[in-house]
Amino acid sequence: MSTFPGSPRLLKGAIIGLDPLNPLASVIVFQYNPDTMTRRLDARSTGGAEYGDKSEAFRLTGPPRETITVNVEVDATDQLEQADPLAVNAGVYPALSALEMLLYPKSAKVIADTVLALLGNIEIIPPEAPLTVFVWGPQRVLPVRLTGFSITEEEFDTALNPIRAKADLSLQVLSYSDLKITNPGYFMFLAHQIAKESLATSNVINSAREIQNIGVPLPRI
């Protein structure tokens, strides 16, 4: 990031796990914002198939299924030069651990379930992961499921702690079609869609002006 005094402040992307029992361990702010992000949208629709109901060809059952793929980098080089105690003792392992814990059940829950199993309890409910939120600027605050990621560790200190690493994250966006109405993510996604509709409307207005400027007649519906 530029050190020029007049350069704009750069917002950092983040992944946040809303876990009331351990909130600090579930906040991962990107050290460096990724240069690229890949998004794939697949429509939720009915009809339109070869033998489907032709009258249902444009029927939508909900918002599209969206998958986000993003590459995140972490680097402890600067911290090591400043003799930061955490970086000296563990490199970037703490940052990687915070990310990985989004896929782990809490050890306290595992221990409690083990005790119940040893006592003969035959019905043990699998643990539920905390609501995970992908933050990419004020326009995109999305509930997501971290479906998986690969980590490439680069360079190691004398204790074999990674000094630099890259993580390729795959995130499935969760919409109100996926969540209960009592889940905070339900209204979080709904607010995101409303904001997106507003942006789309502003783009239509600009496009209409451009069409009029070049003398193309607008169709009447």
C-alpha atoms as a PDB file:
ATOM      1  CA  MET A   1       0.000   0.000   0.000  1.00  0.00           C
ATOM      2  CA  SER A   2       1.285   3.475  -0.874  1.00  0.00           C
ATOM      3  CA  THR A   3       2.751   5.586   1.928  1.00  0.00           C
ATOM      4  CA  PHE A   4       1.918   8.851   0.120  1.00  0.00           C
ATOM      5  CA  PRO A   5       0.033  11.070   2.619  1.00  0.00           C
ATOM      6  CA  GLY A   6      -2.726  11.819   0.126  1.00  0.00           C
ATOM      7  CA  SER A   7      -3.414   8.204  -0.828  1.00  0.00           C
ATOM      8  CA  PRO A   8      -6.897   6.942   0.085  1.00  0.00           C
ATOM      9  CA  ARG A   9      -7.324   4.681   3.070  1.00  0.00           C
ATOM     10  CA  LEU A  10      -7.616   1.073   1.914  1.00  0.00           C
ATOM     11  CA  LEU A  11     -10.289  -1.051   3.564  1.00  0.00           C
ATOM     12  CA  LYS A  12      -9.264  -4.570   4.452  1.00  0.00           C
ATOM     13  CA  GLY A  13     -11.311  -7.620   3.587  1.00  0.00           C
ATOM     14  CA  ALA A  14     -12.088 -10.068   6.369  1.00  0.00           C
ATOM     15  CA  ILE A  15     -13.736 -13.322   7.354  1.00  0.00           C
ATOM     16  CA  ILE A  16     -15.543 -13.252  10.684  1.00  0.00           C
ATOM     17  CA  GLY A  17     -16.975 -16.179  12.598  1.00  0.00           C
ATOM     18  CA  LEU A  18     -19.775 -14.953  14.857  1.00  0.00           C
ATOM     19  CA  ASP A  19     -18.965 -17.146  17.843  1.00  0.00           C
ATOM     20  CA  PRO A  20     -20.113 -15.594  21.156  1.00  0.00           C
ATOM     21  CA  LEU A  21     -18.055 -18.114  23.143  1.00  0.00           C
ATOM     22  CA  ASN A  22     -14.753 -17.206  21.472  1.00  0.00           C
ATOM     23  CA  PRO A  23     -15.183 -14.014  19.386  1.00  0.00           C
ATOM     24  CA  LEU A  24     -11.524 -12.961  19.114  1.00  0.00           C
ATOM     25  CA  ALA A  25     -10.370 -16.291  17.636  1.00  0.00           C
ATOM     26  CA  SER A  26     -12.905 -16.000  14.817  1.00  0.00           C
ATOM     27  CA  VAL A  27     -11.832 -12.691  13.254  1.00  0.00           C
ATOM     28  CA  ILE A  28      -9.461 -12.969  10.300  1.00  0.00           C
ATOM     29  CA  VAL A  29      -8.589  -9.619   8.718  1.00  0.00           C
ATOM     30  CA  PHE A  30      -6.711 -10.017   5.445  1.00  0.00           C
ATOM     31  CA  GLN A  31      -3.147  -8.800   5.775  1.00  0.00           C
ATOM     32  CA  TYR A  32      -3.140  -8.054   2.052  1.00  0.00           C
ATOM     33  CA  ASN A  33      -6.284  -7.706  -0.017  1.00  0.00           C
ATOM     34  CA  PRO A  34      -6.323 -10.267  -2.860  1.00  0.00           C
ATOM     35  CA  ASP A  35      -5.779  -8.829  -6.341  1.00  0.00           C
ATOM     36  CA  THR A  36      -8.545 -10.966  -7.830  1.00  0.00           C
ATOM     37  CA  MET A  37     -11.734 -12.657  -6.724  1.00  0.00           C
ATOM     38  CA  THR A  38     -13.742 -15.188  -8.742  1.00  0.00           C
ATOM     39  CA  ARG A  39     -17.519 -15.350  -8.344  1.00  0.00           C
ATOM     40  CA  ARG A  40     -19.840 -17.916  -9.913  1.00  0.00           C
ATOM     41  CA  LEU A  41     -23.627 -17.549  -9.888  1.00  0.00           C
ATOM     42  CA  ASP A  42     -26.010 -20.414 -10.738  1.00  0.00           C
ATOM     43  CA  ALA A  43     -29.725 -19.676 -11.086  1.00  0.00           C
ATOM     44  CA  ARG A  44     -32.319 -21.319  -8.862  1.00  0.00           C
ATOM     45  CA  SER A  45     -35.118 -21.923 -11.361  1.00  0.00           C
ATOM     46  CA  THR A  46     -37.914 -24.292 -12.246  1.00  0.00           C
ATOM     47  CA  GLY A  47     -39.162 -25.412 -15.641  1.00  0.00           C
ATOM     48  CA  GLY A  48     -37.518 -24.699 -18.943  1.00  0.00           C
ATOM     49  CA  ALA A  49     -36.115 -28.217 -19.314  1.00  0.00           C
ATOM     50  CA  GLU A  50     -36.743 -30.262 -22.454  1.00  0.00           C
ATOM     51  CA  TYR A  51     -39.799 -31.955 -20.956  1.00  0.00           C
ATOM     52  CA  GLY A  52     -40.562 -29.329 -18.326  1.00  0.00           C
ATOM     53  CA  ASP A  53     -43.466 -26.946 -18.046  1.00  0.00           C
ATOM     54  CA  LYS A  54     -42.844 -24.271 -20.697  1.00  0.00           C
ATOM     55  CA  SER A  55     -44.880 -21.737 -18.723  1.00  0.00           C
ATOM     56  CA  GLU A  56     -42.362 -22.041 -15.862  1.00  0.00           C
ATOM     57  CA  ALA A  57     -39.266 -21.282 -17.959  1.00  0.00           C
ATOM     58  CA  PHE A  58     -38.575 -17.973 -16.182  1.00  0.00           C
ATOM     59  CA  ARG A  59     -39.750 -18.964 -12.712  1.00  0.00           C
ATOM     60  CA  LEU A  60     -37.154 -18.330  -9.980  1.00  0.00           C
ATOM     61  CA  THR A  61     -37.254 -20.260  -6.716  1.00  0.00           C
ATOM     62  CA  GLY A  62     -34.811 -17.959  -4.959  1.00  0.00           C
ATOM     63  CA  PRO A  63     -31.591 -15.975  -5.378  1.00  0.00           C
ATOM     64  CA  PRO A  64     -28.771 -17.601  -7.343  1.00  0.00           C
ATOM     65  CA  ARG A  65     -26.337 -19.947  -5.704  1.00  0.00           C
ATOM     66  CA  GLU A  66     -23.087 -18.002  -5.505  1.00  0.00           C
ATOM     67  CA  THR A  67     -19.606 -19.375  -4.966  1.00  0.00           C
ATOM     68  CA  ILE A  68     -16.650 -17.094  -4.216  1.00  0.00           C
ATOM     69  CA  THR A  69     -13.041 -18.146  -4.720  1.00  0.00           C
ATOM     70  CA  VAL A  70     -10.321 -15.912  -3.358  1.00  0.00           C
ATOM     71  CA  ASN A  71      -6.605 -16.217  -2.645  1.00  0.00           C
ATOM     72  CA  VAL A  72      -5.298 -14.812   0.637  1.00  0.00           C
ATOM     73  CA  GLU A  73      -1.633 -14.243   1.495  1.00  0.00           C
ATOM     74  CA  VAL A  74      -0.027 -13.849   4.910  1.00  0.00           C
ATOM     75  CA  ASP A  75       3.583 -12.810   5.505  1.00  0.00           C
ATOM     76  CA  ALA A  76       5.453 -12.427   8.786  1.00  0.00           C
ATOM     77  CA  THR A  77       8.598 -10.872   7.286  1.00  0.00           C
ATOM     78  CA  ASP A  78       7.893  -7.341   8.500  1.00  0.00           C
ATOM     79  CA  GLN A  79       6.887  -8.562  11.949  1.00  0.00           C
ATOM     80  CA  LEU A  80      10.082 -10.596  12.223  1.00  0.00           C
ATOM     81  CA  GLU A  81      12.149  -7.534  11.351  1.00  0.00           C
ATOM     82  CA  GLN A  82      10.384  -5.688  14.178  1.00  0.00           C
ATOM     83  CA  ALA A  83      10.965  -8.637  16.542  1.00  0.00           C
ATOM     84  CA  ASP A  84       7.236  -9.120  17.108  1.00  0.00           C
ATOM     85  CA  PRO A  85       7.018 -11.860  19.796  1.00  0.00           C
ATOM     86  CA  LEU A  86       4.139 -13.730  18.153  1.00  0.00           C
ATOM     87  CA  ALA A  87       5.836 -13.808  14.749  1.00  0.00           C
ATOM     88  CA  VAL A  88       9.171 -14.806  16.287  1.00  0.00           C
ATOM     89  CA  ASN A  89       7.593 -17.717  18.177  1.00  0.00           C
ATOM     90  CA  ALA A  90       5.111 -18.969  15.584  1.00  0.00           C
ATOM     91  CA  GLY A  91       5.490 -17.162  12.232  1.00  0.00           C
ATOM     92  CA  VAL A  92       2.138 -16.985  10.413  1.00  0.00           C
ATOM     93  CA  TYR A  93       0.852 -20.125  12.099  1.00  0.00           C
ATOM     94  CA  PRO A  94      -1.570 -18.173  14.366  1.00  0.00           C
ATOM     95  CA  ALA A  95      -3.235 -16.541  11.336  1.00  0.00           C
ATOM     96  CA  LEU A  96      -3.536 -19.899   9.574  1.00  0.00           C
ATOM     97  CA  SER A  97      -4.912 -21.499  12.739  1.00  0.00           C
ATOM     98  CA  ALA A  98      -7.604 -18.820  13.055  1.00  0.00           C
ATOM     99  CA  LEU A  99      -8.678 -19.561   9.493  1.00  0.00           C
ATOM    100  CA  GLU A 100      -8.606 -23.323   9.936  1.00  0.00           C
ATOM    101  CA  MET A 101     -10.659 -23.204  13.143  1.00  0.00           C
ATOM    102  CA  LEU A 102     -13.665 -22.111  11.074  1.00  0.00           C
ATOM    103  CA  LEU A 103     -13.821 -25.746   9.905  1.00  0.00           C
ATOM    104  CA  TYR A 104     -13.232 -27.360  13.305  1.00  0.00           C
ATOM    105  CA  PRO A 105     -15.842 -28.181  15.946  1.00  0.00           C
ATOM    106  CA  LYS A 106     -14.934 -26.672  19.318  1.00  0.00           C
ATOM    107  CA  SER A 107     -12.811 -29.032  21.406  1.00  0.00           C
ATOM    108  CA  ALA A 108     -15.037 -28.372  24.451  1.00  0.00           C
ATOM    109  CA  LYS A 109     -18.017 -29.695  22.478  1.00  0.00           C
ATOM    110  CA  VAL A 110     -16.028 -32.725  21.323  1.00  0.00           C
ATOM    111  CA  ILE A 111     -15.002 -33.516  24.901  1.00  0.00           C
ATOM    112  CA  ALA A 112     -18.565 -33.070  26.166  1.00  0.00           C
ATOM    113  CA  ASP A 113     -19.921 -35.371  23.443  1.00  0.00           C
ATOM    114  CA  THR A 114     -17.236 -37.955  24.259  1.00  0.00           C
ATOM    115  CA  VAL A 115     -18.305 -37.945  27.908  1.00  0.00           C
ATOM    116  CA  LEU A 116     -21.952 -38.351  26.893  1.00  0.00           C
ATOM    117  CA  ALA A 117     -21.047 -41.258  24.616  1.00  0.00           C
ATOM    118  CA  LEU A 118     -19.111 -42.961  27.415  1.00  0.00           C
ATOM    119  CA  LEU A 119     -22.147 -42.529  29.684  1.00  0.00           C
ATOM    120  CA  GLY A 120     -24.296 -44.355  27.142  1.00  0.00           C
ATOM    121  CA  ASN A 121     -26.042 -41.460  25.421  1.00  0.00           C
ATOM    122  CA  ILE A 122     -26.953 -42.762  21.965  1.00  0.00           C
ATOM    123  CA  GLU A 123     -28.249 -39.471  20.522  1.00  0.00           C
ATOM    124  CA  ILE A 124     -25.547 -36.850  20.130  1.00  0.00           C
ATOM    125  CA  ILE A 125     -26.291 -33.815  17.981  1.00  0.00           C
ATOM    126  CA  PRO A 126     -23.397 -32.820  15.688  1.00  0.00           C
ATOM    127  CA  PRO A 127     -21.921 -29.411  16.596  1.00  0.00           C
ATOM    128  CA  GLU A 128     -22.998 -26.372  14.593  1.00  0.00           C
ATOM    129  CA  ALA A 129     -20.376 -24.052  13.153  1.00  0.00           C
ATOM    130  CA  PRO A 130     -20.651 -20.341  13.934  1.00  0.00           C
ATOM    131  CA  LEU A 131     -22.177 -18.021  11.365  1.00  0.00           C
ATOM    132  CA  THR A 132     -19.315 -17.079   9.059  1.00  0.00           C
ATOM    133  CA  VAL A 133     -19.383 -13.674   7.388  1.00  0.00           C
ATOM    134  CA  PHE A 134     -17.320 -12.583   4.383  1.00  0.00           C
ATOM    135  CA  VAL A 135     -16.649  -8.829   4.466  1.00  0.00           C
ATOM    136  CA  TRP A 136     -15.495  -7.199   1.242  1.00  0.00           C
ATOM    137  CA  GLY A 137     -16.245  -3.518   1.616  1.00  0.00           C
ATOM    138  CA  PRO A 138     -19.512  -1.930   2.773  1.00  0.00           C
ATOM    139  CA  GLN A 139     -21.427  -3.236  -0.268  1.00  0.00           C
ATOM    140  CA  ARG A 140     -20.647  -6.894   0.412  1.00  0.00           C
ATOM    141  CA  VAL A 141     -21.173  -8.293   3.889  1.00  0.00           C
ATOM    142  CA  LEU A 142     -22.290 -11.846   3.210  1.00  0.00           C
ATOM    143  CA  PRO A 143     -23.081 -14.940   5.274  1.00  0.00           C
ATOM    144  CA  VAL A 144     -21.005 -17.766   3.829  1.00  0.00           C
ATOM    145  CA  ARG A 145     -20.018 -21.363   4.365  1.00  0.00           C
ATOM    146  CA  LEU A 146     -16.309 -22.031   4.059  1.00  0.00           C
ATOM    147  CA  THR A 147     -16.482 -25.221   1.988  1.00  0.00           C
ATOM    148  CA  GLY A 148     -12.736 -25.810   1.884  1.00  0.00           C
ATOM    149  CA  PHE A 149      -9.363 -24.340   1.114  1.00  0.00           C
ATOM    150  CA  SER A 150      -5.810 -25.282   0.256  1.00  0.00           C
ATOM    151  CA  ILE A 151      -2.790 -23.802   2.003  1.00  0.00           C
ATOM    152  CA  THR A 152       0.657 -23.412   0.487  1.00  0.00           C
ATOM    153  CA  GLU A 153       3.303 -22.668   3.123  1.00  0.00           C
ATOM    154  CA  GLU A 154       6.461 -20.901   1.950  1.00  0.00           C
ATOM    155  CA  GLU A 155       9.678 -20.477   3.917  1.00  0.00           C
ATOM    156  CA  PHE A 156      10.092 -21.664   7.472  1.00  0.00           C
ATOM    157  CA  ASP A 157      11.948 -20.501  10.557  1.00  0.00           C
ATOM    158  CA  THR A 158      14.322 -22.666  12.616  1.00  0.00           C
ATOM    159  CA  ALA A 159      11.348 -24.208  14.453  1.00  0.00           C
ATOM    160  CA  LEU A 160       9.668 -24.993  11.110  1.00  0.00           C
ATOM    161  CA  ASN A 161       6.932 -22.414  11.594  1.00  0.00           C
ATOM    162  CA  PRO A 162       5.770 -21.007   8.238  1.00  0.00           C
ATOM    163  CA  ILE A 163       6.889 -17.444   7.553  1.00  0.00           C
ATOM    164  CA  ARG A 164       4.769 -16.919   4.439  1.00  0.00           C
ATOM    165  CA  ALA A 165       1.680 -18.741   3.206  1.00  0.00           C
ATOM    166  CA  LYS A 166      -1.115 -18.589   0.631  1.00  0.00           C
ATOM    167  CA  ALA A 167      -4.627 -19.906   1.122  1.00  0.00           C
ATOM    168  CA  ASP A 168      -7.073 -20.524  -1.730  1.00  0.00           C
ATOM    169  CA  LEU A 169     -10.513 -20.154  -0.155  1.00  0.00           C
ATOM    170  CA  SER A 170     -13.796 -21.476  -1.517  1.00  0.00           C
ATOM    171  CA  LEU A 171     -16.870 -19.785  -0.024  1.00  0.00           C
ATOM    172  CA  GLN A 172     -20.503 -20.649  -0.640  1.00  0.00           C
ATOM    173  CA  VAL A 173     -22.764 -17.645  -0.089  1.00  0.00           C
ATOM    174  CA  LEU A 174     -25.761 -18.459   2.121  1.00  0.00           C
ATOM    175  CA  SER A 175     -29.002 -16.684   1.228  1.00  0.00           C
ATOM    176  CA  TYR A 176     -32.457 -16.547   2.780  1.00  0.00           C
ATOM    177  CA  SER A 177     -33.165 -19.715   0.781  1.00  0.00           C
ATOM    178  CA  ASP A 178     -30.540 -21.531   2.869  1.00  0.00           C
ATOM    179  CA  LEU A 179     -31.101 -20.059   6.339  1.00  0.00           C
ATOM    180  CA  LYS A 180     -33.894 -19.978   8.874  1.00  0.00           C
ATOM    181  CA  ILE A 181     -35.605 -16.639   9.384  1.00  0.00           C
ATOM    182  CA  THR A 182     -34.289 -16.629  12.966  1.00  0.00           C
ATOM    183  CA  ASN A 183     -30.688 -16.704  11.720  1.00  0.00           C
ATOM    184  CA  PRO A 184     -29.022 -13.248  11.513  1.00  0.00           C
ATOM    185  CA  GLY A 185     -27.594 -14.222   8.132  1.00  0.00           C
ATOM    186  CA  TYR A 186     -31.133 -14.332   6.683  1.00  0.00           C
ATOM    187  CA  PHE A 187     -31.595 -10.570   6.981  1.00  0.00           C
ATOM    188  CA  MET A 188     -27.918  -9.911   6.306  1.00  0.00           C
ATOM    189  CA  PHE A 189     -28.290 -11.409   2.832  1.00  0.00           C
ATOM    190  CA  LEU A 190     -31.643  -9.709   2.282  1.00  0.00           C
ATOM    191  CA  ALA A 191     -30.032  -6.327   3.012  1.00  0.00           C
ATOM    192  CA  HIS A 192     -27.260  -7.219   0.545  1.00  0.00           C
ATOM    193  CA  GLN A 193     -29.827  -7.990  -2.165  1.00  0.00           C
ATOM    194  CA  ILE A 194     -31.702  -4.726  -1.551  1.00  0.00           C
ATOM    195  CA  ALA A 195     -28.439  -2.777  -1.865  1.00  0.00           C
ATOM    196  CA  LYS A 196     -27.630  -4.674  -5.079  1.00  0.00           C
ATOM    197  CA  GLU A 197     -31.064  -3.818  -6.513  1.00  0.00           C
ATOM    198  CA  SER A 198     -30.409  -0.141  -5.790  1.00  0.00           C
ATOM    199  CA  LEU A 199     -27.057  -0.308  -7.593  1.00  0.00           C
ATOM    200  CA  ALA A 200     -28.646  -2.083 -10.555  1.00  0.00           C
ATOM    201  CA  THR A 201     -31.319   0.625 -10.785  1.00  0.00           C
ATOM    202  CA  SER A 202     -28.710   3.376 -10.816  1.00  0.00           C
ATOM    203  CA  ASN A 203     -26.925   1.571 -13.647  1.00  0.00           C
ATOM    204  CA  VAL A 204     -30.170   1.364 -15.667  1.00  0.00           C
ATOM    205  CA  ILE A 205     -30.624   5.137 -15.313  1.00  0.00           C
ATOM    206  CA  ASN A 206     -27.078   5.779 -16.542  1.00  0.00           C
ATOM    207  CA  SER A 207     -27.519   3.328 -19.432  1.00  0.00           C
ATOM    208  CA  ALA A 208     -30.782   5.003 -20.480  1.00  0.00           C
ATOM    209  CA  ARG A 209     -29.041   8.373 -20.596  1.00  0.00           C
ATOM    210  CA  GLU A 210     -26.240   6.975 -22.730  1.00  0.00           C
ATOM    211  CA  ILE A 211     -28.733   5.404 -25.152  1.00  0.00           C
ATOM    212  CA  GLN A 212     -30.609   8.687 -25.490  1.00  0.00           C
ATOM    213  CA  ASN A 213     -27.355  10.559 -26.089  1.00  0.00           C
ATOM    214  CA  ILE A 214     -26.546   8.375 -29.103  1.00  0.00           C
ATOM    215  CA  GLY A 215     -30.119   8.612 -30.449  1.00  0.00           C
ATOM    216  CA  VAL A 216     -31.229   4.994 -29.971  1.00  0.00           C
ATOM    217  CA  PRO A 217     -35.001   4.773 -29.305  1.00  0.00           C
ATOM    218  CA  LEU A 218     -35.927   2.961 -26.096  1.00  0.00           C
ATOM    219  CA  PRO A 219     -38.337   0.017 -26.490  1.00  0.00           C
ATOM    220  CA  ARG A 220     -41.842   0.365 -25.097  1.00  0.00           C
ATOM    221  CA  ILE A 221     -43.072  -2.489 -22.901  1.00  0.00           C
END
